[in-house]
Amino acid sequence: MDVKLVEYDTVFLEASYKWLNDREIKELTMTPDISREGQKKWFDGLKERDDYLVKGVTADGFPVGVVGLKHIDFERKSAEYFGYIGEKEYWGKGIGYKMMQCIEMEARGMNLSHIYLRVLNTNQIALKLYKKNEFVLRSYDGQLIIMDKIL
């Protein structure tokens, strides 16, 4: 399967609204309630931000998810990873691993040396993926697990 990171455009914006309002995906990604207006305001503000990188994920040319870095800190050379596959029929096909590899290349290209992430302790599929990608457990905060990786 050909997995690529592409521009996060209005196609992904619309798909993300659907994906992030799916009960299961919303829970797994810890997404608060979102409105179309709030999402559009966030999207329109992306051009002005240097602390946020978001990419669409395609599999064989079909939009399937989103991946990115937020809280980018160039002084500390760190950022927080986020990502999800919104099209559930693509779960378990190795796309998550490939999109993580791609975003790590982006992070290195931005001269970042450290990425971290937050994940629910109940999200066993994501935890397995992060461990496979050599993320290390750093702390627990209730149900939240913090992991990081030196690039």
N, C-alpha and C. Protein backbone atom coordinates (compact mmCIF):
# COMPACT_ATOMS: atom_id res chain seq x y z
N MET A 1 0.84 -1.17 0.00
CA MET A 1 0.00 0.00 0.00
C MET A 1 0.89 1.24 0.00
N ASP A 2 0.57 2.17 -0.87
CA ASP A 2 1.34 3.40 -1.01
C ASP A 2 0.79 4.45 -0.05
N VAL A 3 1.52 4.74 1.03
CA VAL A 3 1.10 5.70 2.05
C VAL A 3 1.91 6.98 1.86
N LYS A 4 1.21 8.12 1.80
CA LYS A 4 1.88 9.41 1.61
C LYS A 4 1.29 10.45 2.54
N LEU A 5 2.15 11.39 2.93
CA LEU A 5 1.71 12.58 3.63
C LEU A 5 1.51 13.67 2.59
N VAL A 6 0.35 14.31 2.64
CA VAL A 6 0.00 15.32 1.65
C VAL A 6 -0.51 16.57 2.37
N GLU A 7 -0.72 17.62 1.60
CA GLU A 7 -1.25 18.85 2.18
C GLU A 7 -2.58 18.58 2.88
N TYR A 8 -2.72 19.15 4.06
CA TYR A 8 -3.99 19.08 4.78
C TYR A 8 -4.86 20.19 4.20
N ASP A 9 -5.81 19.80 3.35
CA ASP A 9 -6.64 20.78 2.65
C ASP A 9 -8.10 20.63 3.08
N THR A 10 -9.00 21.26 2.35
CA THR A 10 -10.42 21.24 2.73
C THR A 10 -11.02 19.84 2.62
N VAL A 11 -10.48 18.99 1.77
CA VAL A 11 -10.94 17.60 1.70
C VAL A 11 -10.68 16.91 3.04
N PHE A 12 -9.49 17.08 3.57
CA PHE A 12 -9.14 16.49 4.87
C PHE A 12 -9.88 17.19 6.00
N LEU A 13 -10.09 18.49 5.87
CA LEU A 13 -10.84 19.22 6.89
C LEU A 13 -12.25 18.63 7.03
N GLU A 14 -12.91 18.42 5.92
CA GLU A 14 -14.27 17.85 5.93
C GLU A 14 -14.25 16.42 6.46
N ALA A 15 -13.30 15.63 5.99
CA ALA A 15 -13.21 14.24 6.46
C ALA A 15 -12.90 14.20 7.96
N SER A 16 -12.03 15.09 8.42
CA SER A 16 -11.67 15.14 9.84
C SER A 16 -12.87 15.44 10.71
N TYR A 17 -13.75 16.29 10.23
CA TYR A 17 -14.94 16.60 11.01
C TYR A 17 -15.75 15.31 11.24
N LYS A 18 -15.90 14.54 10.18
CA LYS A 18 -16.62 13.26 10.28
C LYS A 18 -15.85 12.29 11.18
N TRP A 19 -14.56 12.15 10.95
CA TRP A 19 -13.76 11.19 11.71
C TRP A 19 -13.76 11.52 13.20
N LEU A 20 -13.54 12.79 13.53
CA LEU A 20 -13.40 13.18 14.94
C LEU A 20 -14.73 13.27 15.67
N ASN A 21 -15.83 13.12 14.95
CA ASN A 21 -17.13 13.02 15.59
C ASN A 21 -17.61 11.58 15.69
N ASP A 22 -16.82 10.65 15.18
CA ASP A 22 -17.10 9.23 15.39
C ASP A 22 -16.80 8.92 16.86
N ARG A 23 -17.72 8.32 17.57
CA ARG A 23 -17.59 8.10 19.00
C ARG A 23 -16.29 7.39 19.36
N GLU A 24 -15.96 6.32 18.65
CA GLU A 24 -14.76 5.54 18.97
C GLU A 24 -13.48 6.34 18.71
N ILE A 25 -13.39 6.98 17.56
CA ILE A 25 -12.20 7.76 17.21
C ILE A 25 -12.05 8.94 18.16
N LYS A 26 -13.17 9.60 18.46
CA LYS A 26 -13.15 10.73 19.38
C LYS A 26 -12.59 10.32 20.73
N GLU A 27 -13.00 9.16 21.22
CA GLU A 27 -12.51 8.67 22.51
C GLU A 27 -11.03 8.31 22.44
N LEU A 28 -10.63 7.58 21.41
CA LEU A 28 -9.24 7.15 21.29
C LEU A 28 -8.28 8.32 21.13
N THR A 29 -8.73 9.38 20.46
CA THR A 29 -7.86 10.54 20.22
C THR A 29 -8.03 11.63 21.28
N MET A 30 -8.91 11.39 22.23
CA MET A 30 -9.16 12.36 23.31
C MET A 30 -9.57 13.72 22.74
N THR A 31 -10.40 13.71 21.71
CA THR A 31 -10.83 14.92 21.03
C THR A 31 -12.03 15.54 21.75
N PRO A 32 -11.93 16.81 22.09
CA PRO A 32 -13.10 17.48 22.68
C PRO A 32 -14.18 17.69 21.62
N ASP A 33 -15.36 18.11 22.03
CA ASP A 33 -16.41 18.43 21.07
C ASP A 33 -15.90 19.51 20.12
N ILE A 34 -16.21 19.33 18.84
CA ILE A 34 -15.79 20.31 17.83
C ILE A 34 -17.00 20.73 17.02
N SER A 35 -16.99 21.98 16.59
CA SER A 35 -18.02 22.49 15.70
C SER A 35 -17.38 22.76 14.34
N ARG A 36 -18.19 22.85 13.33
CA ARG A 36 -17.65 23.18 12.01
C ARG A 36 -17.01 24.58 12.02
N GLU A 37 -17.64 25.50 12.75
CA GLU A 37 -17.12 26.86 12.81
C GLU A 37 -15.76 26.89 13.52
N GLY A 38 -15.67 26.18 14.63
CA GLY A 38 -14.41 26.12 15.37
C GLY A 38 -13.31 25.45 14.57
N GLN A 39 -13.68 24.39 13.87
CA GLN A 39 -12.71 23.68 13.05
C GLN A 39 -12.23 24.57 11.90
N LYS A 40 -13.12 25.30 11.27
CA LYS A 40 -12.76 26.20 10.17
C LYS A 40 -11.84 27.32 10.67
N LYS A 41 -12.14 27.86 11.86
CA LYS A 41 -11.30 28.90 12.44
C LYS A 41 -9.90 28.35 12.69
N TRP A 42 -9.80 27.14 13.23
CA TRP A 42 -8.50 26.48 13.46
C TRP A 42 -7.76 26.32 12.13
N PHE A 43 -8.45 25.81 11.10
CA PHE A 43 -7.86 25.59 9.79
C PHE A 43 -7.34 26.90 9.19
N ASP A 44 -8.16 27.95 9.26
CA ASP A 44 -7.76 29.24 8.69
C ASP A 44 -6.55 29.83 9.42
N GLY A 45 -6.38 29.50 10.70
CA GLY A 45 -5.26 30.01 11.47
C GLY A 45 -3.96 29.26 11.27
N LEU A 46 -4.01 28.11 10.60
CA LEU A 46 -2.79 27.31 10.43
C LEU A 46 -1.69 28.05 9.69
N LYS A 47 -2.06 28.88 8.73
CA LYS A 47 -1.06 29.60 7.92
C LYS A 47 -0.18 30.51 8.79
N GLU A 48 -0.73 30.98 9.89
CA GLU A 48 -0.02 31.91 10.76
C GLU A 48 0.84 31.23 11.82
N ARG A 49 0.74 29.91 11.93
CA ARG A 49 1.39 29.20 13.03
C ARG A 49 2.68 28.52 12.59
N ASP A 50 3.71 28.63 13.44
CA ASP A 50 4.94 27.88 13.19
C ASP A 50 5.14 26.80 14.26
N ASP A 51 4.15 26.68 15.14
CA ASP A 51 4.23 25.67 16.21
C ASP A 51 3.35 24.46 15.91
N TYR A 52 2.88 24.35 14.68
CA TYR A 52 1.92 23.31 14.34
C TYR A 52 2.14 22.86 12.90
N LEU A 53 2.26 21.57 12.69
CA LEU A 53 2.38 20.99 11.36
C LEU A 53 1.33 19.89 11.25
N VAL A 54 0.48 19.98 10.26
CA VAL A 54 -0.54 18.94 10.06
C VAL A 54 -0.51 18.50 8.61
N LYS A 55 -0.60 17.19 8.40
CA LYS A 55 -0.59 16.61 7.06
C LYS A 55 -1.76 15.65 6.92
N GLY A 56 -2.28 15.56 5.72
CA GLY A 56 -3.24 14.51 5.41
C GLY A 56 -2.49 13.24 5.09
N VAL A 57 -3.12 12.11 5.34
CA VAL A 57 -2.52 10.81 5.04
C VAL A 57 -3.39 10.13 3.98
N THR A 58 -2.73 9.69 2.89
CA THR A 58 -3.45 8.95 1.87
C THR A 58 -2.88 7.53 1.78
N ALA A 59 -3.74 6.62 1.42
CA ALA A 59 -3.34 5.24 1.13
C ALA A 59 -3.81 4.96 -0.29
N ASP A 60 -2.86 4.69 -1.17
CA ASP A 60 -3.17 4.51 -2.59
C ASP A 60 -4.03 5.66 -3.13
N GLY A 61 -3.71 6.89 -2.67
CA GLY A 61 -4.37 8.08 -3.15
C GLY A 61 -5.68 8.43 -2.46
N PHE A 62 -6.15 7.59 -1.56
CA PHE A 62 -7.43 7.82 -0.87
C PHE A 62 -7.18 8.42 0.51
N PRO A 63 -7.87 9.51 0.87
CA PRO A 63 -7.69 10.12 2.20
C PRO A 63 -8.12 9.16 3.31
N VAL A 64 -7.19 8.86 4.22
CA VAL A 64 -7.51 7.90 5.29
C VAL A 64 -7.24 8.43 6.69
N GLY A 65 -6.47 9.52 6.83
CA GLY A 65 -6.15 9.98 8.16
C GLY A 65 -5.40 11.29 8.19
N VAL A 66 -4.91 11.59 9.38
CA VAL A 66 -4.22 12.85 9.65
C VAL A 66 -3.05 12.56 10.58
N VAL A 67 -1.96 13.28 10.38
CA VAL A 67 -0.79 13.15 11.24
C VAL A 67 -0.10 14.50 11.35
N GLY A 68 0.59 14.71 12.45
CA GLY A 68 1.28 15.98 12.56
C GLY A 68 2.06 16.14 13.84
N LEU A 69 2.55 17.35 14.01
CA LEU A 69 3.31 17.75 15.18
C LEU A 69 2.69 19.04 15.72
N LYS A 70 2.53 19.10 17.03
CA LYS A 70 2.03 20.33 17.64
C LYS A 70 2.92 20.70 18.80
N HIS A 71 2.72 21.89 19.31
CA HIS A 71 3.59 22.41 20.38
C HIS A 71 5.05 22.34 19.95
N ILE A 72 5.30 22.65 18.68
CA ILE A 72 6.68 22.63 18.17
C ILE A 72 7.46 23.73 18.87
N ASP A 73 8.58 23.32 19.46
CA ASP A 73 9.43 24.24 20.21
C ASP A 73 10.83 24.15 19.59
N PHE A 74 11.18 25.15 18.78
CA PHE A 74 12.46 25.11 18.08
C PHE A 74 13.64 25.32 19.01
N GLU A 75 13.44 26.02 20.11
CA GLU A 75 14.53 26.18 21.07
C GLU A 75 14.86 24.86 21.75
N ARG A 76 13.84 24.15 22.16
CA ARG A 76 14.04 22.85 22.82
C ARG A 76 14.17 21.71 21.81
N LYS A 77 13.91 22.02 20.55
CA LYS A 77 13.98 21.03 19.46
C LYS A 77 13.04 19.85 19.73
N SER A 78 11.81 20.18 20.15
CA SER A 78 10.84 19.14 20.48
C SER A 78 9.47 19.47 19.93
N ALA A 79 8.62 18.44 19.87
CA ALA A 79 7.23 18.61 19.44
C ALA A 79 6.43 17.41 19.91
N GLU A 80 5.12 17.62 19.97
CA GLU A 80 4.21 16.53 20.33
C GLU A 80 3.63 15.91 19.06
N TYR A 81 3.73 14.60 18.95
CA TYR A 81 3.17 13.85 17.83
C TYR A 81 1.67 13.67 18.03
N PHE A 82 0.92 13.72 16.93
CA PHE A 82 -0.47 13.28 16.94
C PHE A 82 -0.78 12.63 15.60
N GLY A 83 -1.71 11.73 15.59
CA GLY A 83 -2.11 11.08 14.35
C GLY A 83 -3.23 10.11 14.58
N TYR A 84 -3.99 9.89 13.53
CA TYR A 84 -5.06 8.90 13.58
C TYR A 84 -5.45 8.49 12.17
N ILE A 85 -5.98 7.30 12.06
CA ILE A 85 -6.54 6.80 10.80
C ILE A 85 -8.05 6.88 10.98
N GLY A 86 -8.68 7.72 10.19
CA GLY A 86 -10.12 7.94 10.33
C GLY A 86 -10.98 6.93 9.60
N GLU A 87 -10.45 6.34 8.56
CA GLU A 87 -11.19 5.32 7.80
C GLU A 87 -10.91 3.97 8.44
N LYS A 88 -11.88 3.47 9.19
CA LYS A 88 -11.67 2.28 10.01
C LYS A 88 -11.33 1.03 9.21
N GLU A 89 -11.76 0.95 7.97
CA GLU A 89 -11.43 -0.22 7.16
C GLU A 89 -9.93 -0.29 6.85
N TYR A 90 -9.21 0.80 7.14
CA TYR A 90 -7.76 0.83 6.94
C TYR A 90 -6.99 0.56 8.23
N TRP A 91 -7.68 0.35 9.32
CA TRP A 91 -7.02 0.00 10.58
C TRP A 91 -6.35 -1.36 10.45
N GLY A 92 -5.20 -1.52 11.05
CA GLY A 92 -4.51 -2.80 11.07
C GLY A 92 -3.80 -3.17 9.77
N LYS A 93 -3.56 -2.21 8.92
CA LYS A 93 -2.93 -2.48 7.62
C LYS A 93 -1.51 -1.92 7.53
N GLY A 94 -0.95 -1.47 8.65
CA GLY A 94 0.42 -0.96 8.65
C GLY A 94 0.56 0.50 8.30
N ILE A 95 -0.56 1.19 8.11
CA ILE A 95 -0.51 2.61 7.73
C ILE A 95 0.02 3.45 8.88
N GLY A 96 -0.38 3.14 10.10
CA GLY A 96 0.09 3.91 11.26
C GLY A 96 1.60 3.91 11.37
N TYR A 97 2.20 2.76 11.14
CA TYR A 97 3.65 2.65 11.21
C TYR A 97 4.30 3.54 10.14
N LYS A 98 3.78 3.47 8.92
CA LYS A 98 4.34 4.26 7.82
C LYS A 98 4.16 5.76 8.04
N MET A 99 2.99 6.17 8.56
CA MET A 99 2.80 7.60 8.76
C MET A 99 3.68 8.12 9.88
N MET A 100 3.96 7.31 10.88
CA MET A 100 4.89 7.72 11.94
C MET A 100 6.30 7.87 11.38
N GLN A 101 6.70 6.96 10.53
CA GLN A 101 8.03 7.07 9.92
C GLN A 101 8.14 8.36 9.10
N CYS A 102 7.09 8.68 8.37
CA CYS A 102 7.10 9.89 7.54
C CYS A 102 7.15 11.16 8.38
N ILE A 103 6.38 11.21 9.46
CA ILE A 103 6.36 12.43 10.27
C ILE A 103 7.68 12.58 11.04
N GLU A 104 8.32 11.47 11.37
CA GLU A 104 9.64 11.56 12.00
C GLU A 104 10.65 12.15 11.03
N MET A 105 10.56 11.80 9.76
CA MET A 105 11.44 12.41 8.76
C MET A 105 11.19 13.91 8.67
N GLU A 106 9.92 14.30 8.72
CA GLU A 106 9.58 15.73 8.71
C GLU A 106 10.20 16.42 9.93
N ALA A 107 10.09 15.79 11.10
CA ALA A 107 10.64 16.36 12.33
C ALA A 107 12.15 16.54 12.23
N ARG A 108 12.83 15.53 11.71
CA ARG A 108 14.28 15.64 11.53
C ARG A 108 14.62 16.78 10.57
N GLY A 109 13.82 16.92 9.51
CA GLY A 109 14.02 17.99 8.54
C GLY A 109 13.83 19.37 9.15
N MET A 110 13.07 19.44 10.24
CA MET A 110 12.85 20.70 10.95
C MET A 110 13.90 20.89 12.05
N ASN A 111 14.88 19.99 12.09
CA ASN A 111 15.96 20.02 13.08
C ASN A 111 15.47 19.77 14.51
N LEU A 112 14.38 18.99 14.63
CA LEU A 112 13.89 18.59 15.95
C LEU A 112 14.65 17.34 16.37
N SER A 113 14.87 17.19 17.66
CA SER A 113 15.61 16.01 18.13
C SER A 113 14.81 15.15 19.10
N HIS A 114 13.60 15.58 19.41
CA HIS A 114 12.82 14.88 20.43
C HIS A 114 11.33 15.04 20.11
N ILE A 115 10.60 13.93 20.08
CA ILE A 115 9.15 14.00 19.95
C ILE A 115 8.52 13.20 21.08
N TYR A 116 7.37 13.64 21.48
CA TYR A 116 6.65 12.96 22.56
C TYR A 116 5.19 12.83 22.16
N LEU A 117 4.45 12.05 22.92
CA LEU A 117 3.04 11.85 22.63
C LEU A 117 2.29 11.51 23.91
N ARG A 118 0.99 11.67 23.83
CA ARG A 118 0.09 11.31 24.91
C ARG A 118 -0.88 10.28 24.37
N VAL A 119 -1.15 9.24 25.15
CA VAL A 119 -2.05 8.18 24.71
C VAL A 119 -2.78 7.61 25.92
N LEU A 120 -4.02 7.21 25.73
CA LEU A 120 -4.77 6.57 26.80
C LEU A 120 -4.22 5.18 27.06
N ASN A 121 -4.18 4.79 28.32
CA ASN A 121 -3.66 3.45 28.66
C ASN A 121 -4.56 2.34 28.13
N THR A 122 -5.77 2.67 27.72
CA THR A 122 -6.69 1.67 27.15
C THR A 122 -6.51 1.49 25.64
N ASN A 123 -5.73 2.35 25.01
CA ASN A 123 -5.53 2.29 23.56
C ASN A 123 -4.37 1.36 23.24
N GLN A 124 -4.62 0.07 23.40
CA GLN A 124 -3.56 -0.93 23.26
C GLN A 124 -2.97 -1.00 21.86
N ILE A 125 -3.77 -0.78 20.84
CA ILE A 125 -3.25 -0.82 19.46
C ILE A 125 -2.24 0.29 19.25
N ALA A 126 -2.57 1.50 19.72
CA ALA A 126 -1.63 2.62 19.58
C ALA A 126 -0.38 2.39 20.41
N LEU A 127 -0.54 1.88 21.62
CA LEU A 127 0.63 1.62 22.47
C LEU A 127 1.58 0.64 21.80
N LYS A 128 1.03 -0.39 21.20
CA LYS A 128 1.86 -1.37 20.48
C LYS A 128 2.61 -0.70 19.32
N LEU A 129 1.91 0.16 18.58
CA LEU A 129 2.53 0.88 17.47
C LEU A 129 3.65 1.78 17.96
N TYR A 130 3.43 2.51 19.04
CA TYR A 130 4.43 3.44 19.55
C TYR A 130 5.66 2.69 20.05
N LYS A 131 5.45 1.57 20.70
CA LYS A 131 6.59 0.77 21.15
C LYS A 131 7.37 0.23 19.96
N LYS A 132 6.66 -0.20 18.92
CA LYS A 132 7.32 -0.68 17.70
C LYS A 132 8.17 0.44 17.07
N ASN A 133 7.71 1.68 17.21
CA ASN A 133 8.43 2.84 16.69
C ASN A 133 9.44 3.40 17.70
N GLU A 134 9.75 2.61 18.73
CA GLU A 134 10.80 2.91 19.69
C GLU A 134 10.51 4.11 20.59
N PHE A 135 9.24 4.39 20.83
CA PHE A 135 8.89 5.37 21.85
C PHE A 135 9.03 4.69 23.20
N VAL A 136 9.43 5.48 24.20
CA VAL A 136 9.71 4.97 25.54
C VAL A 136 8.73 5.60 26.52
N LEU A 137 8.23 4.79 27.42
CA LEU A 137 7.33 5.27 28.46
C LEU A 137 8.08 6.24 29.37
N ARG A 138 7.50 7.42 29.58
CA ARG A 138 8.12 8.41 30.45
C ARG A 138 7.32 8.63 31.72
N SER A 139 5.99 8.62 31.61
CA SER A 139 5.19 8.83 32.82
C SER A 139 3.74 8.44 32.60
N TYR A 140 3.07 8.24 33.73
CA TYR A 140 1.63 8.02 33.77
C TYR A 140 1.00 9.22 34.43
N ASP A 141 -0.16 9.60 33.97
CA ASP A 141 -0.93 10.64 34.64
C ASP A 141 -2.38 10.17 34.60
N GLY A 142 -2.76 9.35 35.58
CA GLY A 142 -4.09 8.75 35.56
C GLY A 142 -4.18 7.76 34.43
N GLN A 143 -5.12 7.96 33.52
CA GLN A 143 -5.27 7.08 32.37
C GLN A 143 -4.35 7.47 31.21
N LEU A 144 -3.66 8.57 31.36
CA LEU A 144 -2.83 9.09 30.28
C LEU A 144 -1.39 8.62 30.42
N ILE A 145 -0.83 8.14 29.32
CA ILE A 145 0.55 7.71 29.27
C ILE A 145 1.32 8.71 28.41
N ILE A 146 2.47 9.13 28.89
CA ILE A 146 3.36 10.01 28.14
C ILE A 146 4.53 9.18 27.66
N MET A 147 4.81 9.24 26.35
CA MET A 147 5.94 8.51 25.77
C MET A 147 6.76 9.50 24.97
N ASP A 148 8.05 9.18 24.78
CA ASP A 148 8.86 10.04 23.94
C ASP A 148 9.92 9.25 23.20
N LYS A 149 10.56 9.95 22.28
CA LYS A 149 11.58 9.34 21.43
C LYS A 149 12.61 10.39 21.07
N ILE A 150 13.87 10.00 21.17
CA ILE A 150 14.96 10.84 20.68
C ILE A 150 15.17 10.48 19.21
N LEU A 151 15.21 11.50 18.36
CA LEU A 151 15.35 11.25 16.92
C LEU A 151 16.82 11.15 16.54
